[in-house]
Amino acid sequence: MLYYLARVYTTNTILKVYSNAPDGNEPLALDMERMGKGQVWINGESIGRYWMTYGNACR
């Protein structure tokens, strides 16, 4: 069993999701595109901050 904990800064919300662990040794990918920016933990271990960037920052 895996649980994901995400703190979303834009709405100041904490989300907690439980799911079954995938079979095998394949990498796990989380799609955080709709979450804005925040921090993510998997099974109590922080995997870091995330944020989505759009547009061309090098103008």
PDB file of N, CA and C in Angstrom:
ATOM      1  N   MET A   1       0.855  -1.179   0.000  1.00  0.00           N
ATOM      2  CA  MET A   1       0.000   0.000   0.000  1.00  0.00           C
ATOM      3  C   MET A   1       0.894   1.233   0.000  1.00  0.00           C
ATOM      4  N   LEU A   2       0.609   2.149  -0.885  1.00  0.00           N
ATOM      5  CA  LEU A   2       1.308   3.427  -0.940  1.00  0.00           C
ATOM      6  C   LEU A   2       0.360   4.532  -0.512  1.00  0.00           C
ATOM      7  N   TYR A   3       0.904   5.572   0.102  1.00  0.00           N
ATOM      8  CA  TYR A   3       0.082   6.759   0.278  1.00  0.00           C
ATOM      9  C   TYR A   3       0.872   7.966  -0.161  1.00  0.00           C
ATOM     10  N   TYR A   4       0.175   8.856  -0.829  1.00  0.00           N
ATOM     11  CA  TYR A   4       0.766  10.089  -1.345  1.00  0.00           C
ATOM     12  C   TYR A   4       0.186  11.235  -0.544  1.00  0.00           C
ATOM     13  N   LEU A   5       1.021  12.135  -0.129  1.00  0.00           N
ATOM     14  CA  LEU A   5       0.590  13.316   0.597  1.00  0.00           C
ATOM     15  C   LEU A   5       1.114  14.513  -0.165  1.00  0.00           C
ATOM     16  N   ALA A   6       0.237  15.404  -0.557  1.00  0.00           N
ATOM     17  CA  ALA A   6       0.649  16.582  -1.319  1.00  0.00           C
ATOM     18  C   ALA A   6       0.106  17.829  -0.646  1.00  0.00           C
ATOM     19  N   ARG A   7       0.976  18.804  -0.450  1.00  0.00           N
ATOM     20  CA  ARG A   7       0.541  20.100   0.050  1.00  0.00           C
ATOM     21  C   ARG A   7       0.531  21.051  -1.131  1.00  0.00           C
ATOM     22  N   VAL A   8      -0.623  21.599  -1.414  1.00  0.00           N
ATOM     23  CA  VAL A   8      -0.789  22.497  -2.556  1.00  0.00           C
ATOM     24  C   VAL A   8      -0.772  23.928  -2.036  1.00  0.00           C
ATOM     25  N   TYR A   9       0.249  24.699  -2.428  1.00  0.00           N
ATOM     26  CA  TYR A   9       0.403  26.059  -1.926  1.00  0.00           C
ATOM     27  C   TYR A   9      -0.677  27.002  -2.431  1.00  0.00           C
ATOM     28  N   THR A  10      -1.099  26.844  -3.696  1.00  0.00           N
ATOM     29  CA  THR A  10      -2.025  27.804  -4.282  1.00  0.00           C
ATOM     30  C   THR A  10      -3.372  27.809  -3.582  1.00  0.00           C
ATOM     31  N   THR A  11      -3.807  26.664  -3.042  1.00  0.00           N
ATOM     32  CA  THR A  11      -5.091  26.612  -2.334  1.00  0.00           C
ATOM     33  C   THR A  11      -4.913  26.299  -0.852  1.00  0.00           C
ATOM     34  N   ASN A  12      -3.673  26.179  -0.386  1.00  0.00           N
ATOM     35  CA  ASN A  12      -3.357  25.846   1.003  1.00  0.00           C
ATOM     36  C   ASN A  12      -4.121  24.596   1.452  1.00  0.00           C
ATOM     37  N   THR A  13      -4.035  23.547   0.632  1.00  0.00           N
ATOM     38  CA  THR A  13      -4.751  22.298   0.856  1.00  0.00           C
ATOM     39  C   THR A  13      -3.761  21.158   1.019  1.00  0.00           C
ATOM     40  N   ILE A  14      -4.091  20.191   1.856  1.00  0.00           N
ATOM     41  CA  ILE A  14      -3.303  18.969   1.985  1.00  0.00           C
ATOM     42  C   ILE A  14      -4.159  17.811   1.495  1.00  0.00           C
ATOM     43  N   LEU A  15      -3.638  17.070   0.522  1.00  0.00           N
ATOM     44  CA  LEU A  15      -4.350  15.935  -0.055  1.00  0.00           C
ATOM     45  C   LEU A  15      -3.631  14.659   0.331  1.00  0.00           C
ATOM     46  N   LYS A  16      -4.381  13.625   0.709  1.00  0.00           N
ATOM     47  CA  LYS A  16      -3.804  12.336   1.043  1.00  0.00           C
ATOM     48  C   LYS A  16      -4.534  11.272   0.251  1.00  0.00           C
ATOM     49  N   VAL A  17      -3.785  10.454  -0.510  1.00  0.00           N
ATOM     50  CA  VAL A  17      -4.363   9.442  -1.390  1.00  0.00           C
ATOM     51  C   VAL A  17      -3.703   8.108  -1.091  1.00  0.00           C
ATOM     52  N   TYR A  18      -4.501   7.060  -0.975  1.00  0.00           N
ATOM     53  CA  TYR A  18      -4.000   5.699  -0.792  1.00  0.00           C
ATOM     54  C   TYR A  18      -4.181   4.929  -2.093  1.00  0.00           C
ATOM     55  N   SER A  19      -3.217   4.084  -2.456  1.00  0.00           N
ATOM     56  CA  SER A  19      -3.348   3.230  -3.632  1.00  0.00           C
ATOM     57  C   SER A  19      -2.511   1.971  -3.435  1.00  0.00           C
ATOM     58  N   ASN A  20      -2.778   0.980  -4.243  1.00  0.00           N
ATOM     59  CA  ASN A  20      -1.992  -0.248  -4.209  1.00  0.00           C
ATOM     60  C   ASN A  20      -0.658  -0.014  -4.912  1.00  0.00           C
ATOM     61  N   ALA A  21       0.388  -0.604  -4.369  1.00  0.00           N
ATOM     62  CA  ALA A  21       1.707  -0.480  -4.982  1.00  0.00           C
ATOM     63  C   ALA A  21       1.718  -1.227  -6.312  1.00  0.00           C
ATOM     64  N   PRO A  22       2.350  -0.655  -7.345  1.00  0.00           N
ATOM     65  CA  PRO A  22       2.409  -1.360  -8.628  1.00  0.00           C
ATOM     66  C   PRO A  22       3.298  -2.598  -8.539  1.00  0.00           C
ATOM     67  N   ASP A  23       2.990  -3.591  -9.367  1.00  0.00           N
ATOM     68  CA  ASP A  23       3.806  -4.809  -9.421  1.00  0.00           C
ATOM     69  C   ASP A  23       5.133  -4.523 -10.112  1.00  0.00           C
ATOM     70  N   GLY A  24       6.139  -5.310  -9.781  1.00  0.00           N
ATOM     71  CA  GLY A  24       7.435  -5.211 -10.454  1.00  0.00           C
ATOM     72  C   GLY A  24       8.308  -4.104  -9.908  1.00  0.00           C
ATOM     73  N   ASN A  25       9.358  -3.797 -10.650  1.00  0.00           N
ATOM     74  CA  ASN A  25      10.344  -2.792 -10.242  1.00  0.00           C
ATOM     75  C   ASN A  25      10.328  -1.560 -11.133  1.00  0.00           C
ATOM     76  N   GLU A  26       9.215  -1.325 -11.817  1.00  0.00           N
ATOM     77  CA  GLU A  26       9.118  -0.177 -12.710  1.00  0.00           C
ATOM     78  C   GLU A  26       9.063   1.119 -11.898  1.00  0.00           C
ATOM     79  N   PRO A  27       9.576   2.219 -12.462  1.00  0.00           N
ATOM     80  CA  PRO A  27       9.510   3.509 -11.774  1.00  0.00           C
ATOM     81  C   PRO A  27       8.059   3.978 -11.606  1.00  0.00           C
ATOM     82  N   LEU A  28       7.828   4.759 -10.588  1.00  0.00           N
ATOM     83  CA  LEU A  28       6.510   5.309 -10.305  1.00  0.00           C
ATOM     84  C   LEU A  28       6.486   6.760 -10.764  1.00  0.00           C
ATOM     85  N   ALA A  29       5.472   7.156 -11.505  1.00  0.00           N
ATOM     86  CA  ALA A  29       5.346   8.541 -11.976  1.00  0.00           C
ATOM     87  C   ALA A  29       4.067   9.144 -11.422  1.00  0.00           C
ATOM     88  N   LEU A  30       4.159  10.363 -10.936  1.00  0.00           N
ATOM     89  CA  LEU A  30       2.998  11.101 -10.451  1.00  0.00           C
ATOM     90  C   LEU A  30       2.744  12.264 -11.397  1.00  0.00           C
ATOM     91  N   ASP A  31       1.511  12.423 -11.836  1.00  0.00           N
ATOM     92  CA  ASP A  31       1.141  13.537 -12.703  1.00  0.00           C
ATOM     93  C   ASP A  31       0.621  14.659 -11.810  1.00  0.00           C
ATOM     94  N   MET A  32       1.428  15.674 -11.594  1.00  0.00           N
ATOM     95  CA  MET A  32       1.060  16.779 -10.710  1.00  0.00           C
ATOM     96  C   MET A  32       0.684  18.037 -11.494  1.00  0.00           C
ATOM     97  N   GLU A  33       0.391  17.889 -12.792  1.00  0.00           N
ATOM     98  CA  GLU A  33       0.146  19.034 -13.669  1.00  0.00           C
ATOM     99  C   GLU A  33      -0.971  19.947 -13.167  1.00  0.00           C
ATOM    100  N   ARG A  34      -2.040  19.395 -12.637  1.00  0.00           N
ATOM    101  CA  ARG A  34      -3.189  20.201 -12.229  1.00  0.00           C
ATOM    102  C   ARG A  34      -3.079  20.699 -10.788  1.00  0.00           C
ATOM    103  N   MET A  35      -1.953  20.463 -10.129  1.00  0.00           N
ATOM    104  CA  MET A  35      -1.829  20.783  -8.717  1.00  0.00           C
ATOM    105  C   MET A  35      -1.207  22.145  -8.442  1.00  0.00           C
ATOM    106  N   GLY A  36      -0.703  22.864  -9.438  1.00  0.00           N
ATOM    107  CA  GLY A  36      -0.082  24.157  -9.212  1.00  0.00           C
ATOM    108  C   GLY A  36       1.326  24.009  -8.700  1.00  0.00           C
ATOM    109  N   LYS A  37       1.554  24.294  -7.406  1.00  0.00           N
ATOM    110  CA  LYS A  37       2.868  24.068  -6.818  1.00  0.00           C
ATOM    111  C   LYS A  37       2.708  23.635  -5.372  1.00  0.00           C
ATOM    112  N   GLY A  38       3.710  22.926  -4.856  1.00  0.00           N
ATOM    113  CA  GLY A  38       3.634  22.446  -3.486  1.00  0.00           C
ATOM    114  C   GLY A  38       4.737  21.461  -3.174  1.00  0.00           C
ATOM    115  N   GLN A  39       4.481  20.537  -2.253  1.00  0.00           N
ATOM    116  CA  GLN A  39       5.439  19.513  -1.841  1.00  0.00           C
ATOM    117  C   GLN A  39       4.744  18.154  -1.879  1.00  0.00           C
ATOM    118  N   VAL A  40       5.529  17.095  -2.104  1.00  0.00           N
ATOM    119  CA  VAL A  40       4.967  15.745  -2.180  1.00  0.00           C
ATOM    120  C   VAL A  40       5.752  14.804  -1.281  1.00  0.00           C
ATOM    121  N   TRP A  41       5.032  13.930  -0.575  1.00  0.00           N
ATOM    122  CA  TRP A  41       5.621  12.870   0.237  1.00  0.00           C
ATOM    123  C   TRP A  41       5.045  11.543  -0.234  1.00  0.00           C
ATOM    124  N   ILE A  42       5.862  10.496  -0.282  1.00  0.00           N
ATOM    125  CA  ILE A  42       5.391   9.138  -0.550  1.00  0.00           C
ATOM    126  C   ILE A  42       5.823   8.276   0.623  1.00  0.00           C
ATOM    127  N   ASN A  43       4.850   7.642   1.274  1.00  0.00           N
ATOM    128  CA  ASN A  43       5.084   6.810   2.459  1.00  0.00           C
ATOM    129  C   ASN A  43       5.909   7.526   3.521  1.00  0.00           C
ATOM    130  N   GLY A  44       5.614   8.799   3.728  1.00  0.00           N
ATOM    131  CA  GLY A  44       6.276   9.574   4.763  1.00  0.00           C
ATOM    132  C   GLY A  44       7.629  10.156   4.379  1.00  0.00           C
ATOM    133  N   GLU A  45       8.121   9.875   3.177  1.00  0.00           N
ATOM    134  CA  GLU A  45       9.405  10.391   2.713  1.00  0.00           C
ATOM    135  C   GLU A  45       9.165  11.524   1.719  1.00  0.00           C
ATOM    136  N   SER A  46       9.770  12.671   1.978  1.00  0.00           N
ATOM    137  CA  SER A  46       9.620  13.800   1.065  1.00  0.00           C
ATOM    138  C   SER A  46      10.350  13.514  -0.239  1.00  0.00           C
ATOM    139  N   ILE A  47       9.657  13.699  -1.358  1.00  0.00           N
ATOM    140  CA  ILE A  47      10.336  13.580  -2.656  1.00  0.00           C
ATOM    141  C   ILE A  47      10.550  14.952  -3.271  1.00  0.00           C
ATOM    142  N   GLY A  48      10.228  16.006  -2.522  1.00  0.00           N
ATOM    143  CA  GLY A  48      10.569  17.353  -2.941  1.00  0.00           C
ATOM    144  C   GLY A  48       9.392  18.234  -3.299  1.00  0.00           C
ATOM    145  N   ARG A  49       9.756  19.418  -3.747  1.00  0.00           N
ATOM    146  CA  ARG A  49       8.773  20.414  -4.161  1.00  0.00           C
ATOM    147  C   ARG A  49       8.495  20.258  -5.638  1.00  0.00           C
ATOM    148  N   TYR A  50       7.369  20.743  -6.068  1.00  0.00           N
ATOM    149  CA  TYR A  50       7.029  20.727  -7.482  1.00  0.00           C
ATOM    150  C   TYR A  50       6.323  22.025  -7.830  1.00  0.00           C
ATOM    151  N   TRP A  51       6.439  22.437  -9.077  1.00  0.00           N
ATOM    152  CA  TRP A  51       5.688  23.556  -9.605  1.00  0.00           C
ATOM    153  C   TRP A  51       5.664  23.427 -11.110  1.00  0.00           C
ATOM    154  N   MET A  52       4.601  23.904 -11.665  1.00  0.00           N
ATOM    155  CA  MET A  52       4.444  23.842 -13.110  1.00  0.00           C
ATOM    156  C   MET A  52       4.840  25.199 -13.680  1.00  0.00           C
ATOM    157  N   THR A  53       5.618  25.196 -14.736  1.00  0.00           N
ATOM    158  CA  THR A  53       6.003  26.437 -15.399  1.00  0.00           C
ATOM    159  C   THR A  53       5.408  26.442 -16.792  1.00  0.00           C
ATOM    160  N   TYR A  54       4.983  27.597 -17.208  1.00  0.00           N
ATOM    161  CA  TYR A  54       4.376  27.754 -18.521  1.00  0.00           C
ATOM    162  C   TYR A  54       5.018  28.952 -19.210  1.00  0.00           C
ATOM    163  N   GLY A  55       5.061  28.921 -20.498  1.00  0.00           N
ATOM    164  CA  GLY A  55       5.579  30.053 -21.267  1.00  0.00           C
ATOM    165  C   GLY A  55       7.080  30.037 -21.395  1.00  0.00           C
ATOM    166  N   ASN A  56       7.597  31.089 -21.954  1.00  0.00           N
ATOM    167  CA  ASN A  56       9.030  31.205 -22.205  1.00  0.00           C
ATOM    168  C   ASN A  56       9.624  32.206 -21.228  1.00  0.00           C
ATOM    169  N   ALA A  57      10.370  31.733 -20.265  1.00  0.00           N
ATOM    170  CA  ALA A  57      10.965  32.610 -19.249  1.00  0.00           C
ATOM    171  C   ALA A  57      12.220  33.320 -19.754  1.00  0.00           C
ATOM    172  N   CYS A  58      12.755  32.903 -20.887  1.00  0.00           N
ATOM    173  CA  CYS A  58      14.002  33.474 -21.420  1.00  0.00           C
ATOM    174  C   CYS A  58      13.698  34.396 -22.588  1.00  0.00           C
ATOM    175  N   ARG A  59      13.080  35.493 -22.329  1.00  0.00           N
ATOM    176  CA  ARG A  59      12.766  36.454 -23.410  1.00  0.00           C
ATOM    177  C   ARG A  59      13.760  37.552 -23.458  1.00  0.00           C
TER     178      ARG A  59
END
